[in-house]
Protein backbone atom coordinates (compact mmCIF):
# COMPACT_ATOMS: atom_id res chain seq x y z
CA MET A 1 8.17 48.94 -21.41
CA GLN A 2 11.24 49.69 -23.56
CA VAL A 3 14.79 48.86 -22.55
CA VAL A 4 17.47 51.28 -23.71
CA SER A 5 21.20 50.32 -23.47
CA VAL A 6 23.34 53.26 -22.38
CA ARG A 7 26.54 51.32 -21.64
CA PRO A 8 27.19 47.57 -21.60
CA HIS A 9 26.62 47.65 -17.82
CA ILE A 10 23.88 50.35 -17.65
CA LEU A 11 20.23 49.70 -18.63
CA LEU A 12 17.45 52.33 -18.43
CA HIS A 13 13.82 51.15 -18.22
CA VAL A 14 11.77 53.73 -20.17
CA SER A 15 8.01 53.81 -19.62
CA SER A 16 5.37 55.93 -21.33
CA LEU A 17 4.84 57.89 -18.12
CA GLY A 18 8.30 59.40 -17.91
CA ASP A 19 9.85 59.12 -21.35
CA ALA A 20 11.07 62.72 -21.41
CA VAL A 21 12.82 62.54 -18.03
CA LEU A 22 14.49 59.18 -18.59
CA LEU A 23 15.61 59.98 -22.12
CA SER A 24 17.20 63.20 -20.89
CA VAL A 25 19.07 61.15 -18.28
CA TYR A 26 20.12 58.74 -21.03
CA TRP A 27 21.66 61.44 -23.21
CA TRP A 28 23.27 63.01 -20.14
CA VAL A 29 25.02 59.78 -19.28
CA LYS A 30 25.87 59.16 -22.92
CA ALA A 31 27.53 62.56 -23.15
CA GLY A 32 29.89 61.50 -20.38
CA GLU A 33 28.66 63.72 -17.58
CA PHE A 34 28.42 60.79 -15.12
CA VAL A 35 31.53 58.92 -16.33
CA TYR A 36 34.64 59.78 -14.31
CA GLN A 37 38.04 59.16 -15.82
CA VAL A 38 40.85 58.42 -13.38
CA LEU A 39 43.78 60.79 -13.26
CA TYR A 40 46.42 58.52 -14.74
CA ARG A 41 44.23 58.05 -17.84
CA LYS A 42 43.02 61.63 -17.99
CA TRP A 43 46.54 63.06 -17.73
CA ARG A 44 48.32 60.47 -19.87
CA PRO A 45 50.93 62.41 -21.92
CA GLN A 46 50.07 62.99 -25.57
CA ARG A 47 53.51 64.27 -26.60
CA PHE A 48 57.05 63.19 -25.87
CA SER A 49 57.68 66.53 -24.18
CA ASP A 50 54.99 65.70 -21.58
CA VAL A 51 56.66 62.44 -20.51
CA VAL A 52 58.25 62.90 -17.08
CA GLY A 53 61.68 61.66 -16.11
CA GLN A 54 62.67 59.77 -19.30
CA PRO A 55 64.77 62.18 -21.38
CA GLN A 56 67.12 59.38 -22.52
CA VAL A 57 64.16 57.73 -24.28
CA THR A 58 62.09 60.63 -25.54
CA THR A 59 65.03 62.56 -27.01
CA THR A 60 66.26 59.55 -28.98
CA LEU A 61 62.80 58.70 -30.31
CA LYS A 62 62.15 62.29 -31.38
CA ASN A 63 65.48 62.45 -33.22
CA GLU A 64 64.71 59.21 -35.05
CA LEU A 65 61.31 60.52 -36.08
CA ILE A 66 62.74 63.82 -37.28
CA SER A 67 65.52 62.17 -39.29
CA GLY A 68 63.31 59.34 -40.57
CA ARG A 69 65.59 56.61 -39.16
CA LEU A 70 62.82 54.35 -37.88
CA ALA A 71 63.54 50.85 -36.65
CA HIS A 72 61.18 47.97 -37.38
CA ALA A 73 61.10 46.72 -33.75
CA TYR A 74 61.44 48.54 -30.42
CA LEU A 75 61.73 47.09 -26.91
CA PHE A 76 60.69 49.25 -23.94
CA THR A 77 61.81 47.87 -20.55
CA GLY A 78 61.48 49.21 -17.03
CA SER A 79 59.48 48.98 -13.83
CA ARG A 80 55.76 49.68 -13.65
CA GLY A 81 54.39 53.18 -14.10
CA THR A 82 57.44 54.65 -15.82
CA GLY A 83 55.82 55.42 -19.21
CA LYS A 84 56.46 52.40 -21.45
CA THR A 85 52.93 52.03 -22.83
CA THR A 86 52.52 55.82 -22.97
CA CYS A 87 55.63 56.24 -25.12
CA ALA A 88 54.50 53.34 -27.32
CA LYS A 89 51.16 55.06 -28.01
CA ILE A 90 52.86 58.40 -28.69
CA MET A 91 55.26 56.62 -31.05
CA ALA A 92 52.36 54.97 -32.90
CA LYS A 93 50.72 58.38 -33.37
CA ALA A 94 53.93 60.14 -34.36
CA VAL A 95 54.84 57.70 -37.17
CA ASN A 96 51.36 58.10 -38.70
CA CYS A 97 50.74 61.80 -37.98
CA LEU A 98 49.96 63.91 -41.03
CA ASN A 99 51.48 67.05 -39.51
CA PRO A 100 54.26 66.06 -37.07
CA GLN A 101 55.82 68.83 -35.02
CA GLU A 102 59.51 68.21 -34.26
CA GLY A 103 58.94 64.53 -33.64
CA ASP A 104 55.71 64.95 -31.65
CA PRO A 105 52.25 64.15 -33.05
CA CYS A 106 50.09 67.20 -33.68
CA GLY A 107 47.01 65.69 -32.02
CA GLU A 108 44.68 67.55 -34.38
CA CYS A 109 44.84 65.71 -37.71
CA ASP A 110 42.38 62.98 -38.69
CA ILE A 111 44.89 60.21 -37.95
CA CYS A 112 45.68 61.49 -34.44
CA ARG A 113 42.00 61.95 -33.59
CA GLY A 114 41.08 58.58 -35.12
CA LEU A 115 43.76 56.77 -33.13
CA GLU A 116 42.64 58.58 -29.99
CA ASN A 117 38.95 57.69 -30.24
CA GLY A 118 39.57 54.22 -31.65
CA SER A 119 38.01 54.71 -35.08
CA ILE A 120 41.27 53.82 -36.87
CA LEU A 121 42.30 50.21 -36.29
CA ASP A 122 45.79 50.31 -37.74
CA VAL A 123 47.37 50.46 -34.25
CA VAL A 124 46.80 47.17 -32.43
CA GLU A 125 47.45 46.71 -28.70
CA ILE A 126 47.93 43.09 -27.63
CA ASP A 127 48.02 41.81 -24.07
CA ALA A 128 50.59 39.02 -24.12
CA ALA A 129 49.35 37.68 -20.79
CA SER A 130 46.06 36.53 -22.36
CA ASN A 131 47.31 36.08 -25.94
CA ASN A 132 50.44 34.07 -25.33
CA GLY A 133 49.84 31.04 -27.54
CA VAL A 134 51.26 30.08 -30.89
CA GLU A 135 47.82 30.52 -32.53
CA ASN A 136 47.68 34.16 -31.48
CA ILE A 137 51.09 34.89 -33.01
CA ARG A 138 50.12 33.10 -36.22
CA SER A 139 47.04 35.31 -36.51
CA LEU A 140 49.22 38.36 -35.95
CA ARG A 141 51.58 37.25 -38.72
CA GLU A 142 48.69 36.84 -41.16
CA GLU A 143 47.24 40.27 -40.31
CA ALA A 144 50.64 41.92 -40.67
CA ASN A 145 50.72 41.11 -44.37
CA PHE A 146 47.77 43.44 -45.05
CA THR A 147 48.49 47.09 -45.70
CA PRO A 148 47.06 49.67 -43.28
CA ALA A 149 43.54 50.91 -43.95
CA ALA A 150 44.02 54.61 -43.19
CA ALA A 151 47.43 55.18 -41.61
CA LYS A 152 50.90 54.89 -43.04
CA TYR A 153 52.14 52.16 -40.68
CA ARG A 154 50.48 49.25 -38.95
CA VAL A 155 51.84 49.32 -35.39
CA TYR A 156 51.64 46.33 -33.03
CA ILE A 157 52.08 47.18 -29.33
CA ILE A 158 52.63 43.93 -27.39
CA ASP A 159 52.43 44.64 -23.66
CA GLU A 160 54.05 42.31 -21.08
CA VAL A 161 55.75 40.46 -23.90
CA HIS A 162 57.67 38.25 -21.46
CA MET A 163 54.42 36.31 -20.88
CA LEU A 164 54.59 34.73 -24.34
CA SER A 165 55.32 31.03 -24.46
CA ILE A 166 58.48 29.57 -25.98
CA GLY A 167 56.53 28.43 -29.03
CA ALA A 168 55.03 31.91 -29.47
CA PHE A 169 58.48 33.50 -29.28
CA ASN A 170 59.78 31.11 -31.92
CA ALA A 171 56.80 31.83 -34.17
CA LEU A 172 57.44 35.57 -33.80
CA LEU A 173 61.17 35.46 -34.59
CA LYS A 174 61.08 35.58 -38.41
CA THR A 175 58.36 38.21 -38.61
CA LEU A 176 60.12 40.32 -35.96
CA GLU A 177 63.40 40.16 -37.85
CA GLU A 178 62.05 40.95 -41.34
CA PRO A 179 58.54 42.39 -41.07
CA PRO A 180 56.75 44.02 -44.00
CA ALA A 181 57.76 47.61 -44.73
CA HIS A 182 54.49 48.97 -43.32
CA VAL A 183 54.73 47.16 -39.92
CA ILE A 184 56.40 48.36 -36.70
CA PHE A 185 56.57 46.27 -33.54
CA ILE A 186 56.78 47.88 -30.08
CA LEU A 187 57.35 45.38 -27.26
CA ALA A 188 56.93 46.41 -23.62
CA THR A 189 57.94 44.40 -20.56
CA THR A 190 58.78 44.76 -16.89
CA GLU A 191 60.92 41.59 -16.79
CA VAL A 192 63.37 41.83 -19.62
CA HIS A 193 65.51 39.00 -18.22
CA LYS A 194 62.78 36.54 -19.24
CA LEU A 195 63.07 37.39 -22.94
CA PRO A 196 65.14 35.09 -25.17
CA ALA A 197 68.37 36.49 -26.55
CA THR A 198 67.04 35.97 -30.08
CA ILE A 199 64.26 38.48 -29.38
CA LEU A 200 66.58 41.00 -27.71
CA SER A 201 68.99 40.99 -30.66
CA ARG A 202 66.19 41.89 -33.11
CA CYS A 203 64.92 44.95 -31.23
CA GLN A 204 66.14 48.44 -30.47
CA ARG A 205 66.12 48.52 -26.68
CA PHE A 206 65.17 51.49 -24.47
CA ASP A 207 65.46 51.28 -20.67
CA PHE A 208 63.00 53.34 -18.65
CA ARG A 209 64.29 54.50 -15.26
CA ARG A 210 62.36 55.00 -12.08
CA ILE A 211 61.08 58.56 -12.02
CA ALA A 212 62.95 60.80 -9.59
CA PRO A 213 60.87 61.97 -6.59
CA LYS A 214 61.54 65.63 -7.38
CA ASP A 215 60.27 65.34 -10.98
CA MET A 216 57.27 63.31 -9.85
CA ALA A 217 56.38 65.85 -7.13
CA GLU A 218 56.41 68.68 -9.69
CA ARG A 219 54.09 66.71 -11.98
CA LEU A 220 51.70 65.96 -9.11
CA GLU A 221 51.56 69.62 -8.09
CA TYR A 222 50.79 70.60 -11.69
CA ILE A 223 47.97 68.06 -12.01
CA ALA A 224 46.52 69.04 -8.62
CA ALA A 225 46.46 72.70 -9.68
CA GLU A 226 44.68 71.75 -12.93
CA GLU A 227 42.12 69.81 -10.88
CA ASN A 228 41.43 72.96 -8.79
CA ALA A 229 43.04 71.47 -5.68
CA GLN A 230 45.71 72.78 -3.35
CA MET A 231 48.69 70.60 -2.48
CA GLU A 232 51.47 71.17 0.02
CA PRO A 233 55.00 70.60 -1.32
CA GLN A 234 55.70 68.14 1.47
CA ALA A 235 52.53 66.22 0.59
CA SER A 236 53.59 65.87 -3.05
CA LEU A 237 57.02 64.70 -1.93
CA LEU A 238 55.43 62.12 0.37
CA LEU A 239 53.27 60.83 -2.49
CA ALA A 240 56.35 60.59 -4.72
CA ARG A 241 58.22 58.63 -2.05
CA LEU A 242 55.34 56.21 -1.56
CA ALA A 243 55.04 55.63 -5.32
CA ASP A 244 58.65 54.34 -5.46
CA GLY A 245 59.36 55.71 -8.94
CA ALA A 246 55.98 54.82 -10.52
CA LEU A 247 54.00 57.88 -11.57
CA ARG A 248 50.85 55.85 -12.15
CA ASP A 249 50.87 54.73 -8.51
CA ALA A 250 51.35 58.33 -7.38
CA LEU A 251 48.40 59.50 -9.50
CA SER A 252 46.22 56.72 -8.08
CA LEU A 253 47.08 57.86 -4.53
CA LEU A 254 46.40 61.45 -5.56
CA ASP A 255 43.02 60.36 -6.88
CA GLN A 256 42.16 58.87 -3.49
CA CYS A 257 43.30 62.01 -1.71
CA LEU A 258 41.10 64.17 -3.94
CA GLY A 259 38.17 61.98 -2.96
CA ARG A 260 38.70 63.00 0.69
CA GLY A 261 39.30 66.72 0.19
CA ARG A 262 40.52 69.43 -2.11
CA ASN A 263 43.29 70.59 0.25
CA ILE A 264 45.95 67.89 0.17
CA THR A 265 48.21 67.96 3.22
CA VAL A 266 50.71 65.55 4.71
CA ASP A 267 48.15 64.39 7.27
CA LEU A 268 45.61 63.72 4.52
CA VAL A 269 48.12 61.66 2.53
CA THR A 270 49.10 59.77 5.68
CA GLN A 271 45.50 58.91 6.48
CA THR A 272 44.64 57.99 2.89
CA ALA A 273 47.67 55.73 2.41
CA GLY A 274 47.27 54.13 5.84
CA LEU A 275 50.69 55.18 7.05
CA ALA A 276 51.77 55.00 10.66
CA GLY A 277 52.81 58.64 10.76
CA ARG A 278 56.33 59.89 11.21
CA ALA A 279 55.89 60.64 14.95
CA HIS A 280 54.84 57.07 15.78
CA LEU A 281 57.53 55.72 13.47
CA PHE A 282 60.30 57.72 15.15
CA GLN A 283 59.00 56.74 18.59
CA LEU A 284 59.02 53.07 17.63
CA ALA A 285 62.53 53.29 16.15
CA ASP A 286 63.87 55.09 19.22
CA SER A 287 62.44 52.35 21.41
CA ILE A 288 64.32 49.76 19.35
CA THR A 289 67.67 51.56 19.59
CA GLN A 290 67.16 52.14 23.35
CA LYS A 291 66.07 48.49 23.86
CA ASP A 292 62.77 49.59 25.41
CA SER A 293 60.54 46.68 24.43
CA GLY A 294 57.61 47.84 26.58
CA THR A 295 57.26 51.18 24.82
CA ALA A 296 57.72 49.55 21.40
CA LEU A 297 54.94 47.01 22.02
CA ARG A 298 52.65 49.74 23.32
CA VAL A 299 53.17 51.78 20.15
CA ILE A 300 52.40 48.71 18.01
CA ASP A 301 49.21 48.14 20.00
CA GLU A 302 48.11 51.75 19.42
CA LEU A 303 48.75 51.50 15.70
CA TYR A 304 46.98 48.14 15.45
CA CYS A 305 43.91 49.52 17.26
CA ALA A 306 43.95 52.42 14.81
CA SER A 307 43.61 49.87 11.95
CA LYS A 308 47.14 50.37 10.65
CA ASP A 309 48.42 47.58 8.44
CA MET A 310 51.31 45.76 10.11
CA ALA A 311 52.91 44.89 6.77
CA ARG A 312 52.91 48.56 5.78
CA LEU A 313 54.34 49.46 9.21
CA CYS A 314 57.10 46.91 8.72
CA GLU A 315 57.92 48.40 5.31
CA GLU A 316 58.02 51.92 6.74
CA LEU A 317 60.29 50.84 9.58
CA SER A 318 62.59 49.13 7.06
CA GLY A 319 62.69 52.36 5.07
CA TYR A 320 63.59 54.25 8.26
CA PHE A 321 66.58 52.01 9.01
CA ARG A 322 67.58 52.13 5.35
CA SER A 323 67.75 55.91 5.66
CA LEU A 324 69.97 55.56 8.73
CA MET A 325 72.22 53.15 6.83
CA LEU A 326 72.65 55.54 3.90
CA ILE A 327 73.30 58.55 6.13
CA LYS A 328 75.85 56.63 8.19
CA THR A 329 77.78 55.11 5.28
CA MET A 330 77.61 57.92 2.70
CA LYS A 331 79.22 61.32 2.79
CA ASP A 332 76.01 63.04 1.67
CA ALA A 333 72.79 61.05 1.23
CA ARG A 334 70.52 64.05 0.75
CA ASP A 335 70.05 63.47 -2.97
CA ILE A 336 69.03 59.83 -2.47
CA LEU A 337 66.58 60.29 0.40
CA ALA A 338 63.39 62.05 -0.73
CA VAL A 339 62.42 63.43 2.68
CA PRO A 340 61.79 66.94 3.99
CA ASP A 341 64.68 68.91 5.44
CA GLU A 342 63.43 68.63 9.02
CA GLU A 343 63.04 64.88 8.75
CA TYR A 344 66.50 64.57 7.21
CA GLU A 345 67.99 66.47 10.15
CA ALA A 346 66.13 64.22 12.59
CA LEU A 347 67.39 61.12 10.76
CA SER A 348 70.96 62.44 10.77
CA ALA A 349 70.80 63.08 14.52
CA ARG A 350 69.71 59.47 15.09
CA ALA A 351 72.07 57.89 12.57
CA LEU A 352 75.35 59.12 14.05
CA PRO A 353 75.06 57.49 17.51
CA CYS A 354 73.41 54.31 16.17
CA PRO A 355 76.00 51.58 15.42
CA LEU A 356 75.97 50.06 11.97
CA PRO A 357 75.56 46.45 13.24
CA VAL A 358 72.32 47.52 14.94
CA ILE A 359 71.02 49.02 11.69
CA LEU A 360 71.89 45.95 9.61
CA HIS A 361 70.38 43.60 12.20
CA SER A 362 67.19 45.65 12.18
CA LEU A 363 66.94 45.57 8.40
CA ASP A 364 67.46 41.80 8.21
CA THR A 365 64.96 41.09 10.98
CA LEU A 366 62.28 43.34 9.47
CA GLN A 367 62.75 41.89 5.99
CA ASP A 368 62.38 38.36 7.35
CA ALA A 369 59.25 39.38 9.27
CA LEU A 370 57.77 41.00 6.16
CA GLU A 371 58.37 37.83 4.17
CA ARG A 372 56.63 35.72 6.81
CA MET A 373 53.71 38.15 6.91
CA TYR A 374 52.99 37.63 3.23
CA ARG A 375 53.25 33.86 3.60
CA GLY A 376 50.37 33.83 6.08
CA GLY A 377 49.78 33.94 9.80
CA SER A 378 49.08 36.83 12.12
CA ARG A 379 50.84 39.97 10.96
CA ARG A 380 50.58 41.54 14.39
CA ILE A 381 52.34 38.60 16.06
CA GLU A 382 55.08 38.61 13.44
CA MET A 383 55.62 42.34 13.97
CA GLU A 384 55.72 42.00 17.75
CA MET A 385 58.21 39.11 17.58
CA ALA A 386 60.45 41.10 15.25
CA ILE A 387 60.38 44.10 17.61
CA LEU A 388 61.23 41.90 20.59
CA ARG A 389 64.21 40.43 18.74
CA LEU A 390 65.44 43.93 17.92
CA CYS A 391 64.97 45.24 21.47
CA THR A 392 66.56 42.13 23.01
CA PRO A 393 69.32 40.74 20.74
CA GLU A 394 69.95 37.95 23.27
CA LEU A 395 66.70 36.33 22.10
CA ASP A 396 67.88 36.18 18.50
CA ASN A 397 70.34 33.46 17.49
CA SER A 398 70.99 34.78 14.00
CA MET A 399 74.44 35.77 12.81
CA ASP A 400 73.53 39.47 12.60
CA ALA A 401 72.38 39.44 16.22
CA LEU A 402 75.68 37.86 17.31
CA VAL A 403 77.66 40.46 15.37
CA ARG A 404 75.60 43.19 17.01
CA ARG A 405 76.26 41.78 20.50
CA ILE A 406 80.00 41.40 19.84
CA ALA A 407 80.20 44.98 18.57
CA SER A 408 78.41 46.16 21.72
CA LEU A 409 80.93 44.33 23.92
CA GLU A 410 83.84 45.82 22.00
CA ARG A 411 82.44 49.33 22.46
CA ARG A 412 82.04 48.74 26.18
CA ASN A 413 85.60 47.49 26.56
CA THR A 414 86.96 50.41 24.58
CA ALA A 415 85.00 52.91 26.67
CA ALA A 416 86.17 51.26 29.88
CA ALA A 417 89.80 51.35 28.73
CA GLU A 418 89.53 55.05 27.92
CA ARG A 419 87.96 55.87 31.31
CA SER A 420 90.41 53.86 33.44
CA PRO A 421 94.21 53.57 33.03
CA LEU A 422 95.84 50.40 31.86
CA PRO A 423 96.24 47.87 34.72
CA THR A 424 99.74 48.15 36.08
CA GLN A 425 102.14 45.36 36.89
CA SER A 426 105.33 45.27 38.84
CA ALA A 427 107.99 47.13 36.93
CA PRO A 428 111.31 45.47 36.23
CA PRO A 429 114.00 46.47 38.71
CA VAL A 430 115.99 49.51 37.65
CA ARG A 431 119.70 49.01 37.99
CA GLU A 432 121.98 51.77 39.09
CA PRO A 433 123.99 53.23 36.23
CA SER A 434 127.56 52.07 36.05
CA PRO A 435 130.45 54.44 35.66
CA PRO A 436 131.03 55.64 32.11
CA GLN A 437 133.30 53.54 29.94
CA SER A 438 136.62 55.00 29.12
CA SER A 439 136.78 53.23 25.79
CA PRO A 440 135.60 55.38 22.83
CA ALA A 441 134.35 52.25 21.04
CA ALA A 442 132.21 51.36 24.00
CA LEU A 443 130.77 54.87 24.12
CA GLN A 444 129.99 54.77 20.40
CA LYS A 445 128.31 51.37 20.74
CA GLU A 446 126.26 52.61 23.68
CA GLU A 447 124.97 55.71 21.82
CA THR A 448 123.74 53.67 18.84
CA VAL A 449 119.92 53.56 19.21
CA PRO A 450 117.57 52.31 16.46
CA ALA A 451 115.50 55.41 15.78
CA PHE A 452 112.60 54.48 13.51
CA LEU A 453 110.36 57.38 14.38
CA THR A 454 112.62 60.32 13.46
CA ASP A 455 115.56 60.85 11.20
CA ALA A 456 117.82 62.01 14.02
CA ALA A 457 117.87 60.90 17.63
CA PRO A 458 117.11 63.57 20.23
CA SER A 459 119.92 64.92 22.35
CA VAL A 460 120.46 63.29 25.71
CA SER A 461 122.23 64.39 28.84
CA PRO A 462 125.94 63.73 29.02
CA GLU A 463 125.31 61.24 31.81
CA PRO A 464 125.27 57.60 30.73
CA PRO A 465 121.76 56.10 30.25
CA PRO A 466 120.29 54.03 33.06
CA SER A 467 118.26 50.85 32.52
CA TYR A 468 116.95 51.84 29.06
CA VAL A 469 117.07 54.63 26.51
CA PRO A 470 113.90 56.78 26.24
CA PRO A 471 112.02 56.74 22.91
CA GLU A 472 112.49 59.24 20.16
CA PRO A 473 109.73 61.69 19.21
CA PRO A 474 107.46 60.69 16.28
CA ARG A 475 107.77 62.20 12.84
CA HIS A 476 104.85 64.55 13.19
CA LEU A 477 106.43 66.22 16.27
CA GLU A 478 109.43 68.49 16.22
CA PRO A 479 112.46 66.89 17.89
CA GLU A 480 113.75 68.46 21.05
CA GLU A 481 116.44 71.06 20.65
CA PRO A 482 119.89 69.98 21.69
CA ALA A 483 121.20 71.19 24.98
CA SER A 484 123.83 73.39 23.34
CA ALA A 485 121.12 75.29 21.44
CA LYS A 486 119.11 75.93 24.57
CA GLY A 487 122.07 77.16 26.49
CA ASN A 488 121.53 74.73 29.34
CA THR A 489 121.37 71.01 29.91
CA THR A 490 118.28 68.80 29.45
CA PRO A 491 116.31 68.57 32.71
CA ALA A 492 116.95 65.25 34.34
CA ALA A 493 113.58 65.16 36.12
CA SER A 494 111.57 64.49 32.96
CA MET A 495 113.97 61.76 31.90
CA GLU A 496 113.83 60.08 35.29
CA ASP A 497 110.01 60.26 35.36
CA LEU A 498 109.81 58.62 31.98
CA GLN A 499 112.25 55.89 33.01
CA ASN A 500 110.63 55.14 36.34
CA SER A 501 107.11 54.90 34.85
CA ALA A 502 108.02 52.08 32.47
CA GLN A 503 105.81 49.02 33.03
CA ARG A 504 105.58 45.76 31.16
CA LEU A 505 102.70 45.57 28.67
CA ALA A 506 100.83 42.39 29.61
CA SER A 507 98.70 42.37 26.46
CA TRP A 508 101.69 42.33 24.11
CA PRO A 509 101.06 38.68 22.97
CA GLU A 510 97.50 39.62 22.01
CA ILE A 511 98.84 42.58 20.03
CA LEU A 512 101.20 40.29 18.14
CA GLN A 513 98.29 37.95 17.42
CA VAL A 514 96.31 40.83 15.90
CA LEU A 515 99.38 41.86 13.92
CA LYS A 516 99.67 38.29 12.66
CA GLU A 517 96.30 38.65 10.91
CA TYR A 518 97.76 41.52 8.93
CA SER A 519 101.11 39.89 8.07
CA ARG A 520 102.68 36.71 9.38
CA VAL A 521 106.14 37.88 8.31
CA VAL A 522 105.94 41.12 10.29
CA ALA A 523 104.59 39.31 13.34
CA ALA A 524 107.35 36.69 13.10
CA SER A 525 110.04 39.38 13.26
CA PHE A 526 108.79 40.28 16.76
CA THR A 527 109.13 36.73 18.09
CA GLY A 528 110.61 36.82 21.59
CA SER A 529 110.03 40.55 21.97
CA THR A 530 108.59 42.37 24.95
CA ALA A 531 106.99 45.79 25.31
CA TYR A 532 106.77 48.38 28.06
CA VAL A 533 104.35 51.27 28.61
CA SER A 534 105.79 54.61 29.58
CA GLY A 535 103.27 57.45 29.51
CA GLU A 536 102.07 57.85 25.97
CA TYR A 537 104.81 55.61 24.57
CA VAL A 538 105.05 51.87 23.97
CA LEU A 539 108.70 50.83 24.13
CA ILE A 540 109.54 47.67 22.19
CA ASP A 541 112.44 45.38 23.07
CA ALA A 542 112.96 43.06 20.10
CA PRO A 543 115.96 40.70 19.81
CA SER A 544 115.89 40.83 16.02
CA PRO A 545 117.06 44.03 14.28
CA THR A 546 114.62 43.22 11.46
CA ALA A 547 111.76 44.35 13.67
CA PHE A 548 113.13 47.88 13.94
CA GLU A 549 113.88 47.93 10.21
CA LEU A 550 110.22 47.15 9.52
CA LEU A 551 108.97 49.78 11.95
CA ARG A 552 110.98 52.44 10.12
CA ARG A 553 108.43 52.06 7.30
CA PRO A 554 105.30 54.22 7.79
CA ALA A 555 102.88 51.51 6.67
CA GLN A 556 104.22 48.90 9.11
CA ARG A 557 104.38 51.49 11.89
CA ASP A 558 100.73 52.42 11.36
CA LYS A 559 99.70 48.77 11.44
CA MET A 560 101.50 48.32 14.75
CA ARG A 561 99.71 51.36 16.19
CA ASP A 562 96.36 50.04 14.97
CA ALA A 563 97.00 46.63 16.54
CA ILE A 564 97.91 48.25 19.87
CA LYS A 565 94.78 50.43 19.76
CA GLN A 566 92.56 47.47 18.89
CA VAL A 567 93.72 45.55 21.97
CA THR A 568 94.25 48.33 24.53
CA GLY A 569 91.73 50.86 23.25
CA ARG A 570 94.31 53.66 23.39
CA THR A 571 96.63 55.30 20.88
CA TYR A 572 100.32 55.16 21.75
CA LYS A 573 103.52 56.44 20.21
CA LEU A 574 106.24 53.91 19.49
CA GLY A 575 109.82 53.80 20.68
CA PRO A 576 112.68 51.34 21.17
CA TYR A 577 113.55 49.84 24.53
CA LYS A 578 117.36 49.93 24.86
CA LYS A 579 119.09 48.12 27.69
CA SER A 580 122.20 49.66 29.22
CA GLN A 581 125.62 48.18 28.57
CA PRO A 582 126.18 46.83 32.11
CA GLU A 583 122.81 45.05 32.04
CA GLN A 584 123.63 43.52 28.69
CA GLN A 585 126.94 42.32 30.02
CA GLU A 586 125.28 40.88 33.08
CA ASN A 587 122.71 39.11 30.96
CA GLN A 588 125.47 37.65 28.90
CA GLU A 589 127.24 36.53 32.07
CA ARG A 590 124.04 34.93 33.29
CA ASP A 591 123.56 33.02 30.04
CA PRO A 592 122.64 29.47 31.17
CA LEU A 593 124.28 27.79 28.17
CA LYS A 594 127.51 29.62 28.80
CA ALA A 595 127.37 28.71 32.50
CA LEU A 596 126.74 25.06 31.59
CA ALA A 597 129.70 25.04 29.21
CA GLU A 598 131.97 26.51 31.87
CA SER A 599 130.81 23.92 34.41
CA ALA A 600 131.47 21.11 31.92
CA GLN A 601 134.94 22.37 31.19
CA ALA A 602 135.67 22.64 34.90
CA ALA A 603 134.61 19.01 35.29
CA GLY A 604 136.99 17.91 32.50
CA ILE A 605 134.32 17.33 29.89
CA PRO A 606 135.39 18.52 26.45
CA VAL A 607 133.08 21.18 24.97
CA ILE A 608 132.99 21.91 21.27
CA GLN A 609 132.01 25.51 20.56
CA LYS A 610 130.63 26.44 17.16
């Protein structure tokens, strides 16, 4: 019996009885008929123009090749599957190509074909993860002194260069800074922060971005068409979203989908990737926002019985709430979210009524659960506990859960305040108006009203004001026409209704406390003040004229309105509360200090007045 080696892992036992059949099988296998090449290797770009989603890198490299301004060391950084090693191989071909075409290798000359099939050894690829010692770098330095055998340049591609040891980096420094004229170094890494600054300063750095989902979907559709398969646009977009910017991951998923069928649909991608499905995901998320823990646990049980991975489900649910967060906080998140139009509309409909504290609490809880899943333990139990915490925030003692519960209470109080009127209290007694003063000075003093909402005070009836002066209209409203312009007098009924409906605002101290958080100076100017509610107005009675001077400023006036709305839940207009002259006189007469001084003088006790 004769043993023939077809591949290092394939042995054919050839006997005299069937030599012809077995030898034909041998040459068939040797010709590559039985060897399948995965898609990401089969469709690896051979030109810079075929690289997807990295124009900032490919354009610069092509211009350097065309102009002959080649650097001696390049550093390619970026996440996995973005084309770092691919661009390094294209660069190694392009610098040695005998017939370059606008910076791209021709792919047909002897050098290009030799580098492709491995017959030319002037391009060396080194895995720094397994060759990270000082001895390996010393061997590289000795080999670099020899001129290339067939090509123009000897190119060293060091992949995952951050895995080199400190001693290896130090041994590489001098050669990397001043290599021989025929040597080019191309370093590739996914963790550039681990490289010493001495290495970074000696290289020309190129940052590879994550590939956009739209560009990746177009590339997947092209490859699927070349593989004689049909792909739905939504399926390619789903594959691009699952790949998270890595085209190699997307091609690996596409390879698995082609193993199941030649017609690639969304359902096929969902089944192949082990996804929960958008219907189950939306049902689970709706149960969380509606605090329906029973439905949520039942959905998890169905997915677990269908062999769905709980860690993948947790990641998908995190992605769902991330979409809600972006839609709720951004003006237009359509360009960021790579989802179909129908799904984007469904997400928008769910994002608007969902409060932001609920979304943030969900994201934090799911991220913590995902971290515990990867540390060990039952993934199903971790997922169920996370869902219970989201459906019942009272069971969660984290800070995000407390913020969510406080926000819920504030919304309830605001809604209750809008549905029901403000609780009323006994109004201060309204004194009968006194006869008008005959003194012109007294009349002028009585008509002086601090108007901080309009430039001119509205016209009033010729009758003297009763217990207080009604507020002036705000700036955004037109002031009432004077009585002379209308041809008749102002109706007294509306004035009397406004006066009689005035009630003391019991929550005024809380409003001043809220205003104190904005500015202590502004809040201090309202010390000793009171406020009354009259319809849609809040009338302020402040002893200090500085308060009205501050409220004449739009910024301070808006802050006062915001403080009132935060406490009462309603938006009011502002106005001054002006006491009538007889009431002021009576208050002065009832001044306890003045009464005490008069009593002391009557008793013969000397009183010194300052």
